[in-house]
Amino acid sequence: MFSDIITIIQKDLREILSARGSRKSSLIYLGIVVGLIGIFMPMQSGRIWLSEPIVPLVWSWFPVFLMISMVTDSIAGERERNTLETLLASRLSDRAILFGKIAGAVIYGWSISVISNLLAVITVNVTDPSGSFQFYTLSLFLILLFLPLVLGTLMSSLGVLVSLNAPTARSAYQKLSLVMLGFWFVPMFIINLAPESFKLQINQFLSNINMIQLAAIGIVLLIVVNIGLIWLAMQRFQRTRLILD
């Protein structure tokens, strides 16, 4: 089954790299994204990017957001292009297709995150050469490796579940974007509109907690949630039902 999962991953990655009309334009787009997270933002932050966990962690959502278009296209896009029936009629098992769809999107977003964070190290040390070579602390580096991975799995699993019942990739994208909007932007919007006294309390709370420990707890909780979502996707991903739909 592993080779079948790899086949689905390769197929989906090829499709996302050609989604903007050509592979060249897709690579240019990815280059801009990586440049923003790996060069521009670290250049603005300086060595704080490598020493203060909150700074790179705030941007950990961005590569996950880029996964939405890929994961919502996983089932609904295939249905819209009339290629879903062909895929389901192949020798590939249901689980190979499902795991391949989830893993393809995760690899896409996670790779962007890892490359950007490593590029940020080079950017900070080149633009601010004062002092010795600086790298992330081991705990922060591990968090930056695993947090986008579990966040990506969460988004990918949710995307597949949404895509299963969506008639088009566009409708699936809109639904998942609303989830992302509620998860990330609504709390930030509320905090920005809150009174200054409330903002001071939030800042005091954040200054008194260990962001590494908080992120580690979040990773553990997300792993539990991901296991549940993947199990649910396995129950609902049945080719007989999808073909009838």
Protein backbone atom coordinates (compact mmCIF):
# COMPACT_ATOMS: atom_id res chain seq x y z
CA MET A 1 0.00 0.00 0.00
CA PHE A 2 2.94 2.34 0.65
CA SER A 3 3.87 2.50 -3.04
CA ASP A 4 0.24 3.32 -3.88
CA ILE A 5 0.25 6.17 -1.36
CA ILE A 6 3.44 7.52 -2.96
CA THR A 7 1.71 7.37 -6.36
CA ILE A 8 -1.18 9.54 -5.10
CA ILE A 9 1.22 11.98 -3.42
CA GLN A 10 3.23 12.40 -6.63
CA LYS A 11 0.07 12.89 -8.66
CA ASP A 12 -1.32 15.58 -6.35
CA LEU A 13 2.00 17.43 -6.07
CA ARG A 14 2.33 17.51 -9.85
CA GLU A 15 -1.18 18.92 -10.12
CA ILE A 16 -0.62 21.66 -7.53
CA LEU A 17 2.62 22.69 -9.25
CA SER A 18 0.69 23.10 -12.50
CA ALA A 19 -2.38 24.69 -10.94
CA ARG A 20 -1.40 28.24 -11.96
CA GLY A 21 -1.15 27.48 -15.63
CA SER A 22 2.43 26.27 -15.71
CA ARG A 23 5.04 24.84 -13.39
CA LYS A 24 7.16 27.97 -13.84
CA SER A 25 4.45 30.32 -12.58
CA SER A 26 3.73 28.00 -9.64
CA LEU A 27 7.41 27.93 -8.69
CA ILE A 28 7.57 31.73 -8.91
CA TYR A 29 4.57 31.93 -6.58
CA LEU A 30 6.19 29.54 -4.11
CA GLY A 31 9.41 31.54 -4.35
CA ILE A 32 7.53 34.69 -3.35
CA VAL A 33 5.95 32.91 -0.39
CA VAL A 34 9.25 31.45 0.81
CA GLY A 35 10.90 34.82 0.29
CA LEU A 36 8.28 36.49 2.49
CA ILE A 37 8.61 34.04 5.38
CA GLY A 38 12.27 33.15 4.97
CA ILE A 39 13.81 36.47 3.97
CA PHE A 40 11.60 39.56 4.33
CA MET A 41 10.07 38.91 7.76
CA PRO A 42 13.30 37.60 9.37
CA MET A 43 15.16 40.59 7.92
CA GLN A 44 12.66 42.91 9.62
CA SER A 45 12.83 41.03 12.93
CA GLY A 46 16.59 40.45 13.11
CA ARG A 47 18.02 38.02 15.64
CA ILE A 48 14.77 38.10 17.61
CA TRP A 49 13.42 35.72 14.95
CA LEU A 50 15.83 33.03 16.20
CA SER A 51 15.58 33.74 19.93
CA GLU A 52 11.94 34.66 20.61
CA PRO A 53 9.59 31.71 19.93
CA ILE A 54 6.51 33.90 19.46
CA VAL A 55 7.93 35.57 16.33
CA PRO A 56 8.37 32.53 14.03
CA LEU A 57 5.41 30.72 15.63
CA VAL A 58 3.08 33.58 14.64
CA TRP A 59 3.96 32.87 10.99
CA SER A 60 3.59 29.10 11.29
CA TRP A 61 -0.03 29.39 10.09
CA PHE A 62 0.91 30.79 6.67
CA PRO A 63 2.18 27.59 4.97
CA VAL A 64 -0.85 25.78 6.42
CA PHE A 65 -3.14 28.35 4.81
CA LEU A 66 -1.52 27.63 1.44
CA MET A 67 -2.62 24.01 1.73
CA ILE A 68 -6.30 24.90 1.49
CA SER A 69 -6.41 25.06 -2.31
CA MET A 70 -4.63 21.72 -2.63
CA VAL A 71 -6.59 19.77 -0.05
CA THR A 72 -10.00 21.07 -1.13
CA ASP A 73 -9.17 19.99 -4.65
CA SER A 74 -8.39 16.48 -3.41
CA ILE A 75 -11.88 15.04 -3.86
CA ALA A 76 -14.15 17.86 -5.00
CA GLY A 77 -11.72 18.88 -7.73
CA GLU A 78 -11.49 15.32 -9.00
CA ARG A 79 -15.30 15.14 -9.02
CA GLU A 80 -15.55 18.48 -10.83
CA ARG A 81 -13.07 17.38 -13.54
CA ASN A 82 -14.84 14.01 -13.90
CA THR A 83 -11.66 12.16 -12.93
CA LEU A 84 -12.89 10.87 -9.58
CA GLU A 85 -14.60 7.84 -11.11
CA THR A 86 -11.41 6.90 -12.96
CA LEU A 87 -9.37 7.19 -9.77
CA LEU A 88 -11.85 5.11 -7.77
CA ALA A 89 -12.01 2.48 -10.52
CA SER A 90 -8.25 1.94 -10.31
CA ARG A 91 -6.57 -0.84 -8.37
CA LEU A 92 -5.68 1.60 -5.58
CA SER A 93 -7.32 0.86 -2.25
CA ASP A 94 -9.54 3.37 -0.46
CA ARG A 95 -6.98 3.88 2.29
CA ALA A 96 -4.13 4.39 -0.17
CA ILE A 97 -6.12 7.11 -1.93
CA LEU A 98 -7.17 8.74 1.35
CA PHE A 99 -3.73 8.66 2.98
CA GLY A 100 -2.11 9.82 -0.25
CA LYS A 101 -4.47 12.80 -0.49
CA ILE A 102 -3.83 13.80 3.13
CA ALA A 103 -0.06 13.23 2.97
CA GLY A 104 0.35 15.12 -0.32
CA ALA A 105 -1.10 18.31 1.10
CA VAL A 106 0.84 17.93 4.37
CA ILE A 107 4.14 17.49 2.51
CA TYR A 108 3.40 20.56 0.39
CA GLY A 109 2.74 22.88 3.35
CA TRP A 110 5.35 21.35 5.65
CA SER A 111 8.11 21.63 3.02
CA ILE A 112 7.38 25.33 2.56
CA SER A 113 7.58 25.82 6.34
CA VAL A 114 10.87 23.92 6.79
CA ILE A 115 12.57 25.61 3.83
CA SER A 116 11.41 29.06 5.01
CA ASN A 117 12.61 28.53 8.58
CA LEU A 118 16.03 27.30 7.45
CA LEU A 119 16.32 30.19 5.01
CA ALA A 120 15.47 32.55 7.87
CA VAL A 121 18.59 31.37 9.72
CA ILE A 122 20.77 32.34 6.74
CA THR A 123 18.95 35.65 6.33
CA VAL A 124 19.35 36.69 9.96
CA ASN A 125 23.03 35.78 10.15
CA VAL A 126 23.85 37.48 6.84
CA THR A 127 21.89 40.69 7.44
CA ASP A 128 22.99 40.97 11.07
CA PRO A 129 26.58 39.66 11.15
CA SER A 130 27.29 41.01 14.63
CA GLY A 131 28.24 38.23 16.98
CA SER A 132 28.67 34.53 16.25
CA PHE A 133 26.53 32.33 14.04
CA GLN A 134 23.10 31.90 15.61
CA PHE A 135 20.59 29.10 15.16
CA TYR A 136 17.29 28.23 16.78
CA THR A 137 17.45 26.62 20.19
CA LEU A 138 16.90 22.87 19.94
CA SER A 139 13.46 23.07 21.56
CA LEU A 140 12.32 25.89 19.26
CA PHE A 141 13.66 24.11 16.19
CA LEU A 142 11.77 20.94 17.10
CA ILE A 143 8.59 22.95 17.64
CA LEU A 144 9.04 24.62 14.24
CA LEU A 145 9.41 21.16 12.69
CA PHE A 146 6.46 19.47 14.36
CA LEU A 147 3.90 22.27 14.80
CA PRO A 148 3.43 22.89 11.02
CA LEU A 149 3.31 19.11 10.58
CA VAL A 150 0.42 18.58 12.99
CA LEU A 151 -1.32 21.79 11.88
CA GLY A 152 -0.98 20.66 8.28
CA THR A 153 -2.42 17.25 9.14
CA LEU A 154 -5.33 18.96 10.87
CA MET A 155 -6.02 21.17 7.86
CA SER A 156 -5.56 18.32 5.40
CA SER A 157 -7.89 15.97 7.29
CA LEU A 158 -10.53 18.69 7.62
CA GLY A 159 -10.11 19.52 3.95
CA VAL A 160 -10.69 15.94 2.86
CA LEU A 161 -13.81 15.69 5.02
CA VAL A 162 -15.17 18.95 3.60
CA SER A 163 -14.19 17.95 0.06
CA LEU A 164 -16.05 14.64 0.32
CA ASN A 165 -19.42 16.39 0.38
CA ALA A 166 -18.62 19.44 -1.73
CA PRO A 167 -19.90 19.52 -5.34
CA THR A 168 -17.02 21.75 -6.50
CA ALA A 169 -13.51 22.61 -5.37
CA ARG A 170 -14.59 26.25 -5.07
CA SER A 171 -17.33 25.49 -2.56
CA ALA A 172 -14.96 23.27 -0.56
CA TYR A 173 -12.36 26.06 -0.58
CA GLN A 174 -14.89 28.58 0.70
CA LYS A 175 -16.01 26.33 3.54
CA LEU A 176 -12.49 25.50 4.67
CA SER A 177 -11.44 29.15 4.37
CA LEU A 178 -14.22 30.06 6.80
CA VAL A 179 -12.89 27.46 9.24
CA MET A 180 -9.38 28.90 8.88
CA LEU A 181 -10.76 32.41 9.26
CA GLY A 182 -12.51 31.51 12.49
CA PHE A 183 -9.54 29.61 13.85
CA TRP A 184 -6.86 32.25 13.23
CA PHE A 185 -8.21 35.67 12.31
CA VAL A 186 -11.36 36.11 14.39
CA PRO A 187 -9.47 35.90 17.73
CA MET A 188 -6.88 38.39 16.44
CA PHE A 189 -9.65 40.70 15.22
CA ILE A 190 -11.42 40.56 18.59
CA ILE A 191 -8.19 41.26 20.46
CA ASN A 192 -7.47 44.28 18.24
CA LEU A 193 -10.92 45.71 19.03
CA ALA A 194 -10.62 45.00 22.75
CA PRO A 195 -9.91 47.74 25.31
CA GLU A 196 -6.31 48.56 26.10
CA SER A 197 -6.68 47.13 29.61
CA PHE A 198 -7.61 43.74 28.13
CA LYS A 199 -4.66 43.89 25.72
CA LEU A 200 -2.33 44.60 28.65
CA GLN A 201 -3.69 41.55 30.47
CA ILE A 202 -3.11 39.40 27.35
CA ASN A 203 0.45 40.70 27.01
CA GLN A 204 1.11 40.03 30.69
CA PHE A 205 -0.27 36.52 30.37
CA LEU A 206 1.88 35.78 27.32
CA SER A 207 4.99 37.16 29.02
CA ASN A 208 4.47 34.84 31.99
CA ILE A 209 4.08 31.61 30.06
CA ASN A 210 6.67 29.47 28.32
CA MET A 211 5.77 29.54 24.62
CA ILE A 212 7.79 26.39 23.96
CA GLN A 213 5.88 24.44 26.58
CA LEU A 214 2.56 25.86 25.37
CA ALA A 215 3.37 24.90 21.77
CA ALA A 216 4.42 21.41 22.89
CA ILE A 217 1.11 20.93 24.70
CA GLY A 218 -0.69 22.20 21.61
CA ILE A 219 1.15 19.65 19.44
CA VAL A 220 0.09 16.79 21.71
CA LEU A 221 -3.54 17.93 21.66
CA LEU A 222 -3.48 18.34 17.89
CA ILE A 223 -2.11 14.82 17.48
CA VAL A 224 -5.11 13.48 19.40
CA VAL A 225 -7.52 15.56 17.30
CA ASN A 226 -5.79 14.46 14.08
CA ILE A 227 -6.14 10.81 14.99
CA GLY A 228 -9.87 11.33 15.45
CA LEU A 229 -10.25 13.24 12.18
CA ILE A 230 -8.30 10.65 10.19
CA TRP A 231 -10.38 7.86 11.73
CA LEU A 232 -13.56 9.75 10.76
CA ALA A 233 -12.25 10.26 7.22
CA MET A 234 -11.50 6.54 6.96
CA GLN A 235 -15.09 5.75 7.93
CA ARG A 236 -16.56 8.17 5.41
CA PHE A 237 -14.16 7.60 2.52
CA GLN A 238 -15.85 4.68 0.76
CA ARG A 239 -15.62 4.40 -3.01
CA THR A 240 -19.10 2.92 -3.36
CA ARG A 241 -20.64 5.95 -1.68
CA LEU A 242 -18.43 8.39 -3.62
CA ILE A 243 -19.30 6.80 -6.96
CA LEU A 244 -23.01 6.98 -6.17
CA ASP A 245 -22.63 10.63 -5.16
